[in-house]
C-alpha cells in the first residue's frame, strides 16, 4: 500500500496489481462523480505515473 498526495494536500492510498482493472472515481465538492475504469498493465501504469519495478 502506498500513499500519494495531490497538490491540494489530499492523500490517497493505493495498491496496484498488474493485469487487473481498477475503477477510479474522481470527486469534487458540488459535482457529480466521474468514474473511469483503468486496466492496469505495465504500459498504463507508466503513463499514469505509478512506478513499476
Protein backbone atom coordinates (compact mmCIF):
# COMPACT_ATOMS: atom_id res chain seq x y z
CA UNK A 1 0.00 0.00 0.00
CA UNK A 2 1.39 3.37 -0.99
CA UNK A 3 0.31 6.89 -0.18
CA UNK A 4 0.28 9.69 -2.74
CA UNK A 5 -0.63 13.34 -2.16
CA UNK A 6 -2.17 15.67 -4.71
CA UNK A 7 -1.28 19.39 -4.95
CA UNK A 8 -4.14 20.24 -2.57
CA UNK A 9 -2.63 18.07 0.15
CA UNK A 10 -5.20 15.26 -0.08
CA UNK A 11 -3.69 11.83 0.46
CA UNK A 12 -4.66 8.73 -1.49
CA UNK A 13 -3.76 5.15 -0.59
CA UNK A 14 -3.43 2.69 -3.42
CA UNK A 15 -2.18 -0.79 -4.12
CA UNK A 16 -1.63 -1.79 -7.74
CA UNK A 17 -1.85 -5.33 -9.08
CA UNK A 18 -0.84 -5.57 -12.73
CA UNK A 19 -3.34 -7.25 -15.01
CA UNK A 20 -6.40 -6.14 -13.06
CA UNK A 21 -8.85 -3.37 -13.91
CA UNK A 22 -9.44 -0.66 -11.33
CA UNK A 23 -12.44 1.64 -11.00
CA UNK A 24 -11.14 5.15 -10.43
CA UNK A 25 -13.52 7.78 -9.07
CA UNK A 26 -12.80 11.49 -9.24
CA UNK A 27 -14.86 13.53 -6.81
CA UNK A 28 -15.11 17.28 -6.30
CA UNK A 29 -17.45 19.07 -3.93
CA UNK A 30 -20.60 20.19 -5.74
CA UNK A 31 -20.00 18.00 -8.76
CA UNK A 32 -21.21 14.54 -9.73
CA UNK A 33 -18.84 11.58 -9.56
CA UNK A 34 -16.89 10.71 -12.68
CA UNK A 35 -15.85 7.07 -12.91
CA UNK A 36 -13.19 5.64 -15.18
CA UNK A 37 -12.16 2.01 -15.48
CA UNK A 38 -8.42 1.73 -15.87
CA UNK A 39 -6.90 -1.58 -16.99
CA UNK A 40 -3.62 -1.79 -15.10
CA UNK A 41 -0.75 -3.20 -17.10
CA UNK A 42 2.86 -2.09 -17.26
CA UNK A 43 2.22 0.43 -20.04
CA UNK A 44 -0.77 2.16 -18.43
CA UNK A 45 0.97 2.22 -15.08
CA UNK A 46 3.90 4.08 -16.65
CA UNK A 47 1.53 6.52 -18.38
CA UNK A 48 -0.39 7.23 -15.18
CA UNK A 49 2.84 7.62 -13.25
CA UNK A 50 2.96 4.63 -10.92
CA UNK A 51 6.45 3.25 -10.52
CA UNK A 52 6.75 -0.27 -11.92
CA UNK A 53 9.72 -2.21 -10.63
